[in-house]
N, C-alpha and C. Protein backbone atom coordinates (compact mmCIF):
# COMPACT_ATOMS: atom_id res chain seq x y z
N UNK A 1 -8.79 -50.24 54.68
CA UNK A 1 -9.25 -49.28 53.69
C UNK A 1 -10.76 -49.16 53.69
N UNK A 2 -11.46 -50.31 53.89
CA UNK A 2 -12.91 -50.28 53.93
C UNK A 2 -13.42 -49.44 55.09
N UNK A 3 -12.72 -49.53 56.24
CA UNK A 3 -13.12 -48.75 57.42
C UNK A 3 -12.98 -47.25 57.15
N UNK A 4 -11.89 -46.87 56.47
CA UNK A 4 -11.66 -45.46 56.16
C UNK A 4 -12.77 -44.95 55.24
N UNK A 5 -13.12 -45.73 54.24
CA UNK A 5 -14.18 -45.33 53.32
C UNK A 5 -15.53 -45.26 54.03
N UNK A 6 -15.78 -46.21 54.94
CA UNK A 6 -17.05 -46.20 55.68
C UNK A 6 -17.14 -44.96 56.57
N UNK A 7 -16.05 -44.61 57.24
CA UNK A 7 -16.03 -43.42 58.10
C UNK A 7 -16.22 -42.16 57.26
N UNK A 8 -15.55 -42.10 56.12
CA UNK A 8 -15.70 -40.94 55.23
C UNK A 8 -17.14 -40.81 54.73
N UNK A 9 -17.75 -41.93 54.35
CA UNK A 9 -19.14 -41.91 53.88
C UNK A 9 -20.08 -41.46 54.99
N UNK A 10 -19.83 -41.91 56.22
CA UNK A 10 -20.65 -41.50 57.36
C UNK A 10 -20.51 -40.01 57.62
N UNK A 11 -19.30 -39.49 57.54
CA UNK A 11 -19.07 -38.06 57.76
C UNK A 11 -19.79 -37.22 56.71
N UNK A 12 -19.75 -37.66 55.47
CA UNK A 12 -20.45 -36.94 54.40
C UNK A 12 -21.96 -36.99 54.64
N UNK A 13 -22.47 -38.14 55.03
CA UNK A 13 -23.91 -38.27 55.29
C UNK A 13 -24.34 -37.38 56.45
N UNK A 14 -23.56 -37.36 57.53
CA UNK A 14 -23.90 -36.53 58.69
C UNK A 14 -23.82 -35.05 58.35
N UNK A 15 -22.87 -34.66 57.54
CA UNK A 15 -22.77 -33.26 57.13
C UNK A 15 -24.00 -32.86 56.33
N UNK A 16 -24.45 -33.74 55.48
CA UNK A 16 -25.67 -33.47 54.71
C UNK A 16 -26.88 -33.35 55.59
N UNK A 17 -26.97 -34.17 56.64
CA UNK A 17 -28.09 -34.10 57.58
C UNK A 17 -28.04 -32.77 58.32
N UNK A 18 -26.85 -32.36 58.77
CA UNK A 18 -26.72 -31.08 59.49
C UNK A 18 -27.10 -29.92 58.59
N UNK A 19 -26.69 -29.97 57.34
CA UNK A 19 -27.01 -28.89 56.41
C UNK A 19 -28.51 -28.82 56.17
N UNK A 20 -29.15 -29.97 55.96
CA UNK A 20 -30.58 -29.94 55.72
C UNK A 20 -31.33 -29.53 56.98
N UNK A 21 -30.82 -29.89 58.16
CA UNK A 21 -31.44 -29.47 59.41
C UNK A 21 -31.37 -27.96 59.56
N UNK A 22 -30.23 -27.37 59.23
CA UNK A 22 -30.08 -25.92 59.31
C UNK A 22 -31.02 -25.25 58.32
N UNK A 23 -31.16 -25.82 57.14
CA UNK A 23 -32.07 -25.25 56.15
C UNK A 23 -33.51 -25.33 56.66
N UNK A 24 -33.87 -26.45 57.29
CA UNK A 24 -35.23 -26.62 57.80
C UNK A 24 -35.53 -25.62 58.91
N UNK A 25 -34.52 -25.23 59.67
CA UNK A 25 -34.70 -24.27 60.75
C UNK A 25 -34.60 -22.84 60.25
N UNK A 26 -34.48 -22.65 58.97
CA UNK A 26 -34.31 -21.31 58.44
C UNK A 26 -32.88 -20.85 58.55
N UNK A 27 -31.96 -21.79 58.66
CA UNK A 27 -30.56 -21.46 58.82
C UNK A 27 -29.92 -20.89 57.58
N UNK A 28 -28.80 -20.25 57.77
CA UNK A 28 -28.02 -19.65 56.68
C UNK A 28 -26.59 -20.14 56.79
N UNK A 29 -25.85 -20.05 55.71
CA UNK A 29 -24.45 -20.45 55.67
C UNK A 29 -23.60 -19.20 55.56
N UNK A 30 -22.61 -19.04 56.46
CA UNK A 30 -21.70 -17.90 56.39
C UNK A 30 -20.43 -18.22 57.16
N UNK A 31 -19.30 -17.91 56.58
CA UNK A 31 -18.01 -18.06 57.27
C UNK A 31 -17.69 -19.46 57.73
N UNK A 32 -18.15 -20.45 57.00
CA UNK A 32 -17.85 -21.83 57.36
C UNK A 32 -18.76 -22.42 58.42
N UNK A 33 -19.82 -21.72 58.78
CA UNK A 33 -20.76 -22.22 59.79
C UNK A 33 -22.19 -22.06 59.31
N UNK A 34 -23.04 -22.93 59.82
CA UNK A 34 -24.48 -22.79 59.62
C UNK A 34 -24.99 -21.93 60.76
N UNK A 35 -25.82 -20.95 60.43
CA UNK A 35 -26.36 -20.02 61.41
C UNK A 35 -27.86 -20.20 61.50
N UNK A 36 -28.38 -20.22 62.72
CA UNK A 36 -29.82 -20.35 62.96
C UNK A 36 -30.29 -19.24 63.90
N UNK A 37 -31.52 -18.81 63.72
CA UNK A 37 -32.12 -17.80 64.58
C UNK A 37 -32.75 -18.48 65.78
N UNK A 38 -32.41 -18.00 66.98
CA UNK A 38 -32.96 -18.56 68.21
C UNK A 38 -33.60 -17.46 69.04
N UNK A 39 -34.70 -17.79 69.71
CA UNK A 39 -35.36 -16.86 70.62
C UNK A 39 -34.58 -16.70 71.92
N UNK A 40 -33.76 -17.68 72.25
CA UNK A 40 -32.99 -17.64 73.50
C UNK A 40 -31.62 -18.26 73.26
N UNK A 41 -30.66 -17.79 74.03
CA UNK A 41 -29.31 -18.32 73.95
C UNK A 41 -28.46 -17.65 75.01
N UNK A 42 -27.18 -17.99 75.05
CA UNK A 42 -26.30 -17.45 76.10
C UNK A 42 -26.12 -15.94 75.99
N UNK A 43 -26.39 -15.36 74.83
CA UNK A 43 -26.27 -13.91 74.66
C UNK A 43 -27.63 -13.27 74.30
N UNK A 44 -28.70 -13.99 74.62
CA UNK A 44 -30.04 -13.51 74.31
C UNK A 44 -30.49 -13.99 72.95
N UNK A 45 -31.60 -13.45 72.49
CA UNK A 45 -32.14 -13.83 71.18
C UNK A 45 -31.18 -13.36 70.09
N UNK A 46 -31.04 -14.17 69.05
CA UNK A 46 -30.18 -13.76 67.97
C UNK A 46 -29.74 -14.92 67.10
N UNK A 47 -28.75 -14.64 66.28
CA UNK A 47 -28.18 -15.62 65.35
C UNK A 47 -26.98 -16.30 66.00
N UNK A 48 -27.02 -17.63 66.02
CA UNK A 48 -25.95 -18.45 66.57
C UNK A 48 -25.60 -19.54 65.56
N UNK A 49 -24.42 -20.14 65.74
CA UNK A 49 -24.15 -21.36 64.99
C UNK A 49 -25.27 -22.32 65.36
N UNK A 50 -25.81 -23.01 64.39
CA UNK A 50 -26.91 -23.94 64.66
C UNK A 50 -26.51 -24.95 65.73
N UNK A 51 -27.32 -25.00 66.77
CA UNK A 51 -27.09 -25.93 67.87
C UNK A 51 -26.18 -25.40 68.97
N UNK A 52 -25.65 -24.19 68.82
CA UNK A 52 -24.70 -23.67 69.80
C UNK A 52 -25.26 -22.52 70.62
N UNK A 53 -26.55 -22.32 70.61
CA UNK A 53 -27.10 -21.15 71.29
C UNK A 53 -26.92 -21.18 72.81
N UNK A 54 -26.67 -22.34 73.40
CA UNK A 54 -26.41 -22.40 74.84
C UNK A 54 -24.99 -22.86 75.16
N UNK A 55 -24.11 -22.83 74.18
CA UNK A 55 -22.68 -23.12 74.42
C UNK A 55 -21.98 -21.79 74.67
N UNK A 56 -21.92 -21.40 75.93
CA UNK A 56 -21.43 -20.07 76.31
C UNK A 56 -20.09 -19.75 75.65
N UNK A 57 -20.05 -18.60 75.01
CA UNK A 57 -18.83 -18.13 74.36
C UNK A 57 -18.65 -18.57 72.93
N UNK A 58 -19.53 -19.41 72.42
CA UNK A 58 -19.37 -19.94 71.06
C UNK A 58 -20.56 -19.56 70.18
N UNK A 59 -20.28 -19.23 68.95
CA UNK A 59 -21.29 -19.16 67.92
C UNK A 59 -22.19 -17.95 67.87
N UNK A 60 -21.95 -16.92 68.66
CA UNK A 60 -22.81 -15.73 68.62
C UNK A 60 -22.49 -14.93 67.37
N UNK A 61 -23.53 -14.53 66.64
CA UNK A 61 -23.36 -13.67 65.48
C UNK A 61 -23.86 -12.28 65.79
N UNK A 62 -25.14 -12.17 66.05
CA UNK A 62 -25.75 -10.89 66.34
C UNK A 62 -27.25 -11.02 66.47
N UNK A 63 -27.88 -9.92 66.80
CA UNK A 63 -29.33 -9.90 66.98
C UNK A 63 -30.07 -9.68 65.69
N UNK A 64 -31.31 -9.26 65.81
CA UNK A 64 -32.17 -9.03 64.65
C UNK A 64 -31.47 -8.07 63.68
N UNK A 65 -31.43 -8.47 62.42
CA UNK A 65 -30.82 -7.62 61.39
C UNK A 65 -29.34 -7.85 61.17
N UNK A 66 -28.71 -8.71 61.96
CA UNK A 66 -27.28 -8.99 61.77
C UNK A 66 -27.06 -9.52 60.36
N UNK A 67 -26.10 -8.98 59.65
CA UNK A 67 -25.76 -9.33 58.27
C UNK A 67 -26.93 -9.11 57.32
N UNK A 68 -27.88 -8.27 57.73
CA UNK A 68 -29.05 -8.03 56.90
C UNK A 68 -30.08 -9.13 56.98
N UNK A 69 -29.86 -10.09 57.88
CA UNK A 69 -30.80 -11.19 58.06
C UNK A 69 -31.85 -10.75 59.06
N UNK A 70 -33.06 -11.18 58.86
CA UNK A 70 -34.13 -10.87 59.80
C UNK A 70 -33.96 -11.64 61.09
N UNK A 71 -35.00 -12.25 61.50
CA UNK A 71 -34.98 -13.02 62.73
C UNK A 71 -36.40 -13.41 63.06
N UNK A 72 -36.59 -13.78 64.28
CA UNK A 72 -37.92 -14.14 64.72
C UNK A 72 -38.73 -12.88 64.98
N UNK A 73 -40.02 -12.97 64.80
CA UNK A 73 -40.89 -11.82 64.93
C UNK A 73 -40.76 -11.15 66.30
N UNK A 74 -40.57 -11.92 67.35
CA UNK A 74 -40.51 -11.37 68.70
C UNK A 74 -39.30 -10.47 68.92
N UNK A 75 -38.29 -10.55 68.06
CA UNK A 75 -37.09 -9.73 68.24
C UNK A 75 -37.31 -8.29 67.84
N UNK A 76 -38.25 -8.04 66.94
CA UNK A 76 -38.37 -6.71 66.35
C UNK A 76 -38.90 -5.69 67.35
N UNK A 77 -38.26 -4.55 67.43
CA UNK A 77 -38.76 -3.51 68.34
C UNK A 77 -40.17 -3.08 67.95
N UNK A 78 -40.99 -2.86 68.97
CA UNK A 78 -42.34 -2.38 68.73
C UNK A 78 -43.35 -3.44 68.41
N UNK A 79 -42.93 -4.71 68.41
CA UNK A 79 -43.87 -5.79 68.12
C UNK A 79 -44.33 -6.40 69.43
N UNK A 80 -45.60 -6.41 69.64
CA UNK A 80 -46.16 -6.98 70.86
C UNK A 80 -46.21 -8.49 70.74
N UNK A 81 -45.73 -9.19 71.75
CA UNK A 81 -45.79 -10.65 71.72
C UNK A 81 -46.68 -11.17 72.83
N UNK A 82 -47.49 -10.29 73.42
CA UNK A 82 -48.48 -10.73 74.39
C UNK A 82 -47.96 -10.92 75.80
N UNK A 83 -46.84 -10.33 76.13
CA UNK A 83 -46.29 -10.43 77.49
C UNK A 83 -46.61 -9.12 78.23
N UNK A 84 -47.24 -9.25 79.37
CA UNK A 84 -47.54 -8.07 80.16
C UNK A 84 -46.60 -8.02 81.36
N UNK A 85 -46.02 -6.88 81.55
CA UNK A 85 -45.13 -6.69 82.68
C UNK A 85 -45.88 -5.93 83.77
N UNK A 86 -45.62 -6.25 85.05
CA UNK A 86 -46.31 -5.54 86.14
C UNK A 86 -45.93 -4.09 86.22
């Protein structure tokens, strides 16, 4: 019984750490997942489940403005980020 309680307490603690990490990254909660804005991922810049931006096929939400959420400044059309193309 003590092992079960210890495992349950650890799971609760880790969930709290994940939630605070998502909050620190500017994450949002929707549909049972924490969402974070990433400049890069398997589907380009956009909103992904936190930590899943390079897990191909998982966690893609959408780009800038998805669900009315902003994103990183570099995503916005017409914003110069200092990259020059030949």
